Amino acid sequence: MFKQSVALAYSPEKNKEDFEEVLFIKAFKQAAKELDGPIHYPRMKPQPDPDGENYKWFTENESKDKRSLPPLWKETGLPYWE
């Protein structure tokens, strides 16, 4: 009954009762899985900055494209600025 109620209330297609397609359910399931890539703050290049200036990703982000994290249900890892 819980799954049916959530699906009816939050499904992208209101007439479709698919619990697995509810966005916050998809996001939770993705967050609960193991990530295939490295876990770190966003940075300019794949390797860490030897001078410790990994903050530059945030500086670039504020001044240019204003990238944001992808939706969790489409998690592919953080972008680099290369």
PDB file of N, CA and C in Angstrom:
ATOM      1  N   MET A   1       0.836  -1.193   0.000  1.00  0.00           N
ATOM      2  CA  MET A   1       0.000   0.000   0.000  1.00  0.00           C
ATOM      3  C   MET A   1       0.876   1.250   0.000  1.00  0.00           C
ATOM      4  N   PHE A   2       2.007   1.186   0.738  1.00  0.00           N
ATOM      5  CA  PHE A   2       2.900   2.339   0.772  1.00  0.00           C
ATOM      6  C   PHE A   2       3.431   2.649  -0.619  1.00  0.00           C
ATOM      7  N   LYS A   3       3.962   1.633  -1.301  1.00  0.00           N
ATOM      8  CA  LYS A   3       4.522   1.840  -2.639  1.00  0.00           C
ATOM      9  C   LYS A   3       3.464   2.372  -3.604  1.00  0.00           C
ATOM     10  N   GLN A   4       2.304   1.836  -3.535  1.00  0.00           N
ATOM     11  CA  GLN A   4       1.226   2.274  -4.417  1.00  0.00           C
ATOM     12  C   GLN A   4       0.855   3.731  -4.131  1.00  0.00           C
ATOM     13  N   SER A   5       0.783   4.098  -2.864  1.00  0.00           N
ATOM     14  CA  SER A   5       0.430   5.474  -2.497  1.00  0.00           C
ATOM     15  C   SER A   5       1.498   6.465  -2.939  1.00  0.00           C
ATOM     16  N   VAL A   6       2.770   6.115  -2.731  1.00  0.00           N
ATOM     17  CA  VAL A   6       3.872   6.994  -3.156  1.00  0.00           C
ATOM     18  C   VAL A   6       3.865   7.133  -4.671  1.00  0.00           C
ATOM     19  N   ALA A   7       3.707   6.031  -5.372  1.00  0.00           N
ATOM     20  CA  ALA A   7       3.690   6.071  -6.837  1.00  0.00           C
ATOM     21  C   ALA A   7       2.553   6.939  -7.359  1.00  0.00           C
ATOM     22  N   LEU A   8       1.412   6.804  -6.778  1.00  0.00           N
ATOM     23  CA  LEU A   8       0.270   7.609  -7.218  1.00  0.00           C
ATOM     24  C   LEU A   8       0.488   9.094  -6.933  1.00  0.00           C
ATOM     25  N   ALA A   9       1.100   9.405  -5.810  1.00  0.00           N
ATOM     26  CA  ALA A   9       1.284  10.807  -5.424  1.00  0.00           C
ATOM     27  C   ALA A   9       2.441  11.493  -6.145  1.00  0.00           C
ATOM     28  N   TYR A  10       3.515  10.763  -6.448  1.00  0.00           N
ATOM     29  CA  TYR A  10       4.746  11.396  -6.932  1.00  0.00           C
ATOM     30  C   TYR A  10       5.224  10.935  -8.300  1.00  0.00           C
ATOM     31  N   SER A  11       4.562  10.001  -8.916  1.00  0.00           N
ATOM     32  CA  SER A  11       5.026   9.485 -10.196  1.00  0.00           C
ATOM     33  C   SER A  11       5.040  10.591 -11.251  1.00  0.00           C
ATOM     34  N   PRO A  12       6.100  10.645 -12.104  1.00  0.00           N
ATOM     35  CA  PRO A  12       6.142  11.666 -13.153  1.00  0.00           C
ATOM     36  C   PRO A  12       4.920  11.602 -14.063  1.00  0.00           C
ATOM     37  N   GLU A  13       4.460  10.411 -14.327  1.00  0.00           N
ATOM     38  CA  GLU A  13       3.228  10.231 -15.092  1.00  0.00           C
ATOM     39  C   GLU A  13       2.136   9.872 -14.092  1.00  0.00           C
ATOM     40  N   LYS A  14       1.268  10.820 -13.836  1.00  0.00           N
ATOM     41  CA  LYS A  14       0.303  10.661 -12.745  1.00  0.00           C
ATOM     42  C   LYS A  14      -0.570   9.418 -12.871  1.00  0.00           C
ATOM     43  N   ASN A  15      -0.769   8.924 -14.060  1.00  0.00           N
ATOM     44  CA  ASN A  15      -1.616   7.747 -14.216  1.00  0.00           C
ATOM     45  C   ASN A  15      -0.843   6.445 -14.069  1.00  0.00           C
ATOM     46  N   LYS A  16       0.471   6.547 -13.959  1.00  0.00           N
ATOM     47  CA  LYS A  16       1.310   5.356 -13.899  1.00  0.00           C
ATOM     48  C   LYS A  16       1.706   5.086 -12.454  1.00  0.00           C
ATOM     49  N   GLU A  17       1.489   3.883 -12.013  1.00  0.00           N
ATOM     50  CA  GLU A  17       1.817   3.506 -10.642  1.00  0.00           C
ATOM     51  C   GLU A  17       3.153   2.779 -10.604  1.00  0.00           C
ATOM     52  N   ASP A  18       4.249   3.485 -10.831  1.00  0.00           N
ATOM     53  CA  ASP A  18       5.566   2.855 -10.831  1.00  0.00           C
ATOM     54  C   ASP A  18       6.428   3.461  -9.725  1.00  0.00           C
ATOM     55  N   PHE A  19       6.488   2.788  -8.612  1.00  0.00           N
ATOM     56  CA  PHE A  19       7.241   3.244  -7.438  1.00  0.00           C
ATOM     57  C   PHE A  19       8.699   3.501  -7.781  1.00  0.00           C
ATOM     58  N   GLU A  20       9.298   2.651  -8.615  1.00  0.00           N
ATOM     59  CA  GLU A  20      10.718   2.753  -8.952  1.00  0.00           C
ATOM     60  C   GLU A  20      11.039   3.996  -9.781  1.00  0.00           C
ATOM     61  N   GLU A  21      10.072   4.625 -10.395  1.00  0.00           N
ATOM     62  CA  GLU A  21      10.297   5.812 -11.219  1.00  0.00           C
ATOM     63  C   GLU A  21      10.092   7.121 -10.468  1.00  0.00           C
ATOM     64  N   VAL A  22       9.670   7.059  -9.232  1.00  0.00           N
ATOM     65  CA  VAL A  22       9.524   8.272  -8.415  1.00  0.00           C
ATOM     66  C   VAL A  22      10.925   8.828  -8.169  1.00  0.00           C
ATOM     67  N   LEU A  23      11.142  10.118  -8.468  1.00  0.00           N
ATOM     68  CA  LEU A  23      12.489  10.669  -8.476  1.00  0.00           C
ATOM     69  C   LEU A  23      13.217  10.546  -7.138  1.00  0.00           C
ATOM     70  N   PHE A  24      12.566  10.796  -6.029  1.00  0.00           N
ATOM     71  CA  PHE A  24      13.291  10.690  -4.757  1.00  0.00           C
ATOM     72  C   PHE A  24      13.580   9.231  -4.394  1.00  0.00           C
ATOM     73  N   ILE A  25      12.801   8.305  -4.914  1.00  0.00           N
ATOM     74  CA  ILE A  25      13.101   6.884  -4.717  1.00  0.00           C
ATOM     75  C   ILE A  25      14.311   6.510  -5.575  1.00  0.00           C
ATOM     76  N   LYS A  26      14.340   6.962  -6.838  1.00  0.00           N
ATOM     77  CA  LYS A  26      15.484   6.710  -7.710  1.00  0.00           C
ATOM     78  C   LYS A  26      16.757   7.319  -7.119  1.00  0.00           C
ATOM     79  N   ALA A  27      16.647   8.542  -6.570  1.00  0.00           N
ATOM     80  CA  ALA A  27      17.806   9.212  -5.972  1.00  0.00           C
ATOM     81  C   ALA A  27      18.303   8.435  -4.754  1.00  0.00           C
ATOM     82  N   PHE A  28      17.400   7.988  -3.911  1.00  0.00           N
ATOM     83  CA  PHE A  28      17.792   7.222  -2.725  1.00  0.00           C
ATOM     84  C   PHE A  28      18.493   5.925  -3.119  1.00  0.00           C
ATOM     85  N   LYS A  29      17.941   5.223  -4.109  1.00  0.00           N
ATOM     86  CA  LYS A  29      18.539   3.960  -4.529  1.00  0.00           C
ATOM     87  C   LYS A  29      19.928   4.186  -5.116  1.00  0.00           C
ATOM     88  N   GLN A  30      20.118   5.272  -5.854  1.00  0.00           N
ATOM     89  CA  GLN A  30      21.434   5.584  -6.413  1.00  0.00           C
ATOM     90  C   GLN A  30      22.419   5.919  -5.299  1.00  0.00           C
ATOM     91  N   ALA A  31      21.997   6.694  -4.313  1.00  0.00           N
ATOM     92  CA  ALA A  31      22.875   7.071  -3.201  1.00  0.00           C
ATOM     93  C   ALA A  31      23.270   5.859  -2.365  1.00  0.00           C
ATOM     94  N   ALA A  32      22.411   4.864  -2.312  1.00  0.00           N
ATOM     95  CA  ALA A  32      22.692   3.673  -1.513  1.00  0.00           C
ATOM     96  C   ALA A  32      23.639   2.706  -2.218  1.00  0.00           C
ATOM     97  N   LYS A  33      23.843   2.899  -3.532  1.00  0.00           N
ATOM     98  CA  LYS A  33      24.758   2.023  -4.269  1.00  0.00           C
ATOM     99  C   LYS A  33      26.190   2.506  -4.116  1.00  0.00           C
ATOM    100  N   GLU A  34      27.087   1.621  -4.406  1.00  0.00           N
ATOM    101  CA  GLU A  34      28.506   1.978  -4.404  1.00  0.00           C
ATOM    102  C   GLU A  34      28.820   2.761  -5.673  1.00  0.00           C
ATOM    103  N   LEU A  35      29.577   3.846  -5.542  1.00  0.00           N
ATOM    104  CA  LEU A  35      29.977   4.653  -6.688  1.00  0.00           C
ATOM    105  C   LEU A  35      31.180   4.017  -7.364  1.00  0.00           C
ATOM    106  N   ASP A  36      31.183   3.988  -8.687  1.00  0.00           N
ATOM    107  CA  ASP A  36      32.284   3.364  -9.426  1.00  0.00           C
ATOM    108  C   ASP A  36      33.527   4.239  -9.492  1.00  0.00           C
ATOM    109  N   GLY A  37      33.381   5.533  -9.308  1.00  0.00           N
ATOM    110  CA  GLY A  37      34.521   6.437  -9.447  1.00  0.00           C
ATOM    111  C   GLY A  37      35.044   6.929  -8.117  1.00  0.00           C
ATOM    112  N   PRO A  38      36.037   7.829  -8.168  1.00  0.00           N
ATOM    113  CA  PRO A  38      36.595   8.388  -6.932  1.00  0.00           C
ATOM    114  C   PRO A  38      35.610   9.336  -6.261  1.00  0.00           C
ATOM    115  N   ILE A  39      35.782   9.514  -4.974  1.00  0.00           N
ATOM    116  CA  ILE A  39      34.945  10.437  -4.215  1.00  0.00           C
ATOM    117  C   ILE A  39      35.825  11.591  -3.759  1.00  0.00           C
ATOM    118  N   HIS A  40      35.490  12.795  -4.195  1.00  0.00           N
ATOM    119  CA  HIS A  40      36.268  13.982  -3.844  1.00  0.00           C
ATOM    120  C   HIS A  40      35.459  15.224  -4.186  1.00  0.00           C
ATOM    121  N   TYR A  41      35.913  16.377  -3.699  1.00  0.00           N
ATOM    122  CA  TYR A  41      35.313  17.640  -4.113  1.00  0.00           C
ATOM    123  C   TYR A  41      35.599  17.854  -5.589  1.00  0.00           C
ATOM    124  N   PRO A  42      34.777  18.649  -6.275  1.00  0.00           N
ATOM    125  CA  PRO A  42      35.069  18.943  -7.677  1.00  0.00           C
ATOM    126  C   PRO A  42      36.441  19.600  -7.801  1.00  0.00           C
ATOM    127  N   ARG A  43      37.130  19.333  -8.900  1.00  0.00           N
ATOM    128  CA  ARG A  43      38.424  19.962  -9.114  1.00  0.00           C
ATOM    129  C   ARG A  43      38.650  20.184 -10.604  1.00  0.00           C
ATOM    130  N   MET A  44      39.684  20.944 -10.918  1.00  0.00           N
ATOM    131  CA  MET A  44      39.939  21.345 -12.288  1.00  0.00           C
ATOM    132  C   MET A  44      40.369  20.171 -13.164  1.00  0.00           C
ATOM    133  N   LYS A  45      41.200  19.297 -12.650  1.00  0.00           N
ATOM    134  CA  LYS A  45      41.729  18.147 -13.396  1.00  0.00           C
ATOM    135  C   LYS A  45      41.519  16.885 -12.566  1.00  0.00           C
ATOM    136  N   PRO A  46      41.588  15.729 -13.204  1.00  0.00           N
ATOM    137  CA  PRO A  46      41.374  14.489 -12.448  1.00  0.00           C
ATOM    138  C   PRO A  46      42.327  14.291 -11.269  1.00  0.00           C
ATOM    139  N   GLN A  47      43.575  14.710 -11.405  1.00  0.00           N
ATOM    140  CA  GLN A  47      44.524  14.543 -10.303  1.00  0.00           C
ATOM    141  C   GLN A  47      44.441  15.748  -9.354  1.00  0.00           C
ATOM    142  N   PRO A  48      44.677  15.552  -8.063  1.00  0.00           N
ATOM    143  CA  PRO A  48      44.653  16.660  -7.102  1.00  0.00           C
ATOM    144  C   PRO A  48      45.721  17.706  -7.439  1.00  0.00           C
ATOM    145  N   ASP A  49      45.446  18.942  -7.137  1.00  0.00           N
ATOM    146  CA  ASP A  49      46.401  20.026  -7.368  1.00  0.00           C
ATOM    147  C   ASP A  49      47.547  19.894  -6.363  1.00  0.00           C
ATOM    148  N   PRO A  50      48.794  19.811  -6.834  1.00  0.00           N
ATOM    149  CA  PRO A  50      49.917  19.625  -5.911  1.00  0.00           C
ATOM    150  C   PRO A  50      50.131  20.816  -4.982  1.00  0.00           C
ATOM    151  N   ASP A  51      49.631  22.002  -5.385  1.00  0.00           N
ATOM    152  CA  ASP A  51      49.761  23.192  -4.542  1.00  0.00           C
ATOM    153  C   ASP A  51      48.570  23.370  -3.606  1.00  0.00           C
ATOM    154  N   GLY A  52      47.653  22.419  -3.614  1.00  0.00           N
ATOM    155  CA  GLY A  52      46.503  22.486  -2.718  1.00  0.00           C
ATOM    156  C   GLY A  52      45.444  23.477  -3.155  1.00  0.00           C
ATOM    157  N   GLU A  53      45.450  23.869  -4.431  1.00  0.00           N
ATOM    158  CA  GLU A  53      44.487  24.870  -4.909  1.00  0.00           C
ATOM    159  C   GLU A  53      43.268  24.200  -5.552  1.00  0.00           C
ATOM    160  N   ASN A  54      42.767  23.201  -4.892  1.00  0.00           N
ATOM    161  CA  ASN A  54      41.595  22.502  -5.415  1.00  0.00           C
ATOM    162  C   ASN A  54      40.329  23.346  -5.350  1.00  0.00           C
ATOM    163  N   TYR A  55      40.357  24.449  -4.643  1.00  0.00           N
ATOM    164  CA  TYR A  55      39.213  25.352  -4.534  1.00  0.00           C
ATOM    165  C   TYR A  55      38.907  26.048  -5.861  1.00  0.00           C
ATOM    166  N   LYS A  56      39.847  26.018  -6.816  1.00  0.00           N
ATOM    167  CA  LYS A  56      39.666  26.772  -8.064  1.00  0.00           C
ATOM    168  C   LYS A  56      38.446  26.315  -8.866  1.00  0.00           C
ATOM    169  N   TRP A  57      38.016  25.089  -8.686  1.00  0.00           N
ATOM    170  CA  TRP A  57      36.799  24.648  -9.372  1.00  0.00           C
ATOM    171  C   TRP A  57      35.641  25.538  -8.952  1.00  0.00           C
ATOM    172  N   PHE A  58      35.555  25.815  -7.656  1.00  0.00           N
ATOM    173  CA  PHE A  58      34.458  26.636  -7.141  1.00  0.00           C
ATOM    174  C   PHE A  58      34.572  28.072  -7.640  1.00  0.00           C
ATOM    175  N   THR A  59      35.804  28.594  -7.729  1.00  0.00           N
ATOM    176  CA  THR A  59      36.028  29.943  -8.237  1.00  0.00           C
ATOM    177  C   THR A  59      35.577  30.036  -9.694  1.00  0.00           C
ATOM    178  N   GLU A  60      35.984  29.071 -10.511  1.00  0.00           N
ATOM    179  CA  GLU A  60      35.565  29.041 -11.916  1.00  0.00           C
ATOM    180  C   GLU A  60      34.055  28.920 -12.028  1.00  0.00           C
ATOM    181  N   ASN A  61      33.484  28.090 -11.199  1.00  0.00           N
ATOM    182  CA  ASN A  61      32.047  27.859 -11.256  1.00  0.00           C
ATOM    183  C   ASN A  61      31.271  29.139 -10.964  1.00  0.00           C
ATOM    184  N   GLU A  62      31.764  29.947 -10.053  1.00  0.00           N
ATOM    185  CA  GLU A  62      31.075  31.198  -9.726  1.00  0.00           C
ATOM    186  C   GLU A  62      31.178  32.224 -10.848  1.00  0.00           C
ATOM    187  N   SER A  63      32.265  32.174 -11.622  1.00  0.00           N
ATOM    188  CA  SER A  63      32.477  33.210 -12.625  1.00  0.00           C
ATOM    189  C   SER A  63      32.036  32.802 -14.032  1.00  0.00           C
ATOM    190  N   LYS A  64      31.766  31.529 -14.282  1.00  0.00           N
ATOM    191  CA  LYS A  64      31.466  31.097 -15.658  1.00  0.00           C
ATOM    192  C   LYS A  64      30.142  30.367 -15.758  1.00  0.00           C
ATOM    193  N   ASP A  65      30.212  29.094 -16.027  1.00  0.00           N
ATOM    194  CA  ASP A  65      29.039  28.312 -16.412  1.00  0.00           C
ATOM    195  C   ASP A  65      28.015  28.048 -15.316  1.00  0.00           C
ATOM    196  N   LYS A  66      28.397  28.231 -14.083  1.00  0.00           N
ATOM    197  CA  LYS A  66      27.519  27.921 -12.951  1.00  0.00           C
ATOM    198  C   LYS A  66      27.034  26.479 -13.019  1.00  0.00           C
ATOM    199  N   ARG A  67      27.995  25.566 -13.083  1.00  0.00           N
ATOM    200  CA  ARG A  67      27.658  24.150 -13.091  1.00  0.00           C
ATOM    201  C   ARG A  67      27.106  23.749 -11.731  1.00  0.00           C
ATOM    202  N   SER A  68      26.241  22.819 -11.751  1.00  0.00           N
ATOM    203  CA  SER A  68      25.721  22.299 -10.488  1.00  0.00           C
ATOM    204  C   SER A  68      25.861  20.781 -10.510  1.00  0.00           C
ATOM    205  N   LEU A  69      25.635  20.178  -9.388  1.00  0.00           N
ATOM    206  CA  LEU A  69      25.709  18.729  -9.326  1.00  0.00           C
ATOM    207  C   LEU A  69      24.582  18.133 -10.162  1.00  0.00           C
ATOM    208  N   PRO A  70      24.846  17.025 -10.820  1.00  0.00           N
ATOM    209  CA  PRO A  70      23.778  16.386 -11.594  1.00  0.00           C
ATOM    210  C   PRO A  70      22.727  15.828 -10.646  1.00  0.00           C
ATOM    211  N   PRO A  71      21.531  15.616 -11.158  1.00  0.00           N
ATOM    212  CA  PRO A  71      20.513  14.977 -10.306  1.00  0.00           C
ATOM    213  C   PRO A  71      21.053  13.645  -9.801  1.00  0.00           C
ATOM    214  N   LEU A  72      20.787  13.340  -8.562  1.00  0.00           N
ATOM    215  CA  LEU A  72      21.359  12.134  -7.958  1.00  0.00           C
ATOM    216  C   LEU A  72      20.917  10.869  -8.676  1.00  0.00           C
ATOM    217  N   TRP A  73      19.725  10.854  -9.236  1.00  0.00           N
ATOM    218  CA  TRP A  73      19.266   9.647  -9.917  1.00  0.00           C
ATOM    219  C   TRP A  73      19.982   9.451 -11.252  1.00  0.00           C
ATOM    220  N   LYS A  74      20.774  10.454 -11.698  1.00  0.00           N
ATOM    221  CA  LYS A  74      21.588  10.329 -12.914  1.00  0.00           C
ATOM    222  C   LYS A  74      23.064  10.469 -12.572  1.00  0.00           C
ATOM    223  N   GLU A  75      23.453  10.116 -11.382  1.00  0.00           N
ATOM    224  CA  GLU A  75      24.820  10.333 -10.894  1.00  0.00           C
ATOM    225  C   GLU A  75      25.865   9.709 -11.805  1.00  0.00           C
ATOM    226  N   THR A  76      26.778  10.554 -12.288  1.00  0.00           N
ATOM    227  CA  THR A  76      27.869  10.075 -13.131  1.00  0.00           C
ATOM    228  C   THR A  76      29.207  10.549 -12.586  1.00  0.00           C
ATOM    229  N   GLY A  77      29.212  11.209 -11.471  1.00  0.00           N
ATOM    230  CA  GLY A  77      30.441  11.772 -10.922  1.00  0.00           C
ATOM    231  C   GLY A  77      30.498  13.269 -11.158  1.00  0.00           C
ATOM    232  N   LEU A  78      31.450  13.914 -10.535  1.00  0.00           N
ATOM    233  CA  LEU A  78      31.575  15.361 -10.657  1.00  0.00           C
ATOM    234  C   LEU A  78      32.341  15.753 -11.922  1.00  0.00           C
ATOM    235  N   PRO A  79      31.999  16.897 -12.503  1.00  0.00           N
ATOM    236  CA  PRO A  79      32.696  17.322 -13.716  1.00  0.00           C
ATOM    237  C   PRO A  79      34.048  17.950 -13.410  1.00  0.00           C
ATOM    238  N   TYR A  80      34.939  17.885 -14.382  1.00  0.00           N
ATOM    239  CA  TYR A  80      36.213  18.598 -14.316  1.00  0.00           C
ATOM    240  C   TYR A  80      36.110  19.806 -15.245  1.00  0.00           C
ATOM    241  N   TRP A  81      37.041  20.737 -15.154  1.00  0.00           N
ATOM    242  CA  TRP A  81      37.020  21.926 -16.007  1.00  0.00           C
ATOM    243  C   TRP A  81      37.900  21.779 -17.225  1.00  0.00           C
ATOM    244  N   GLU A  82      38.449  20.638 -17.480  1.00  0.00           N
ATOM    245  CA  GLU A  82      39.350  20.469 -18.634  1.00  0.00           C
ATOM    246  C   GLU A  82      38.592  20.679 -19.927  1.00  0.00           C
TER     247      GLU A  82
END
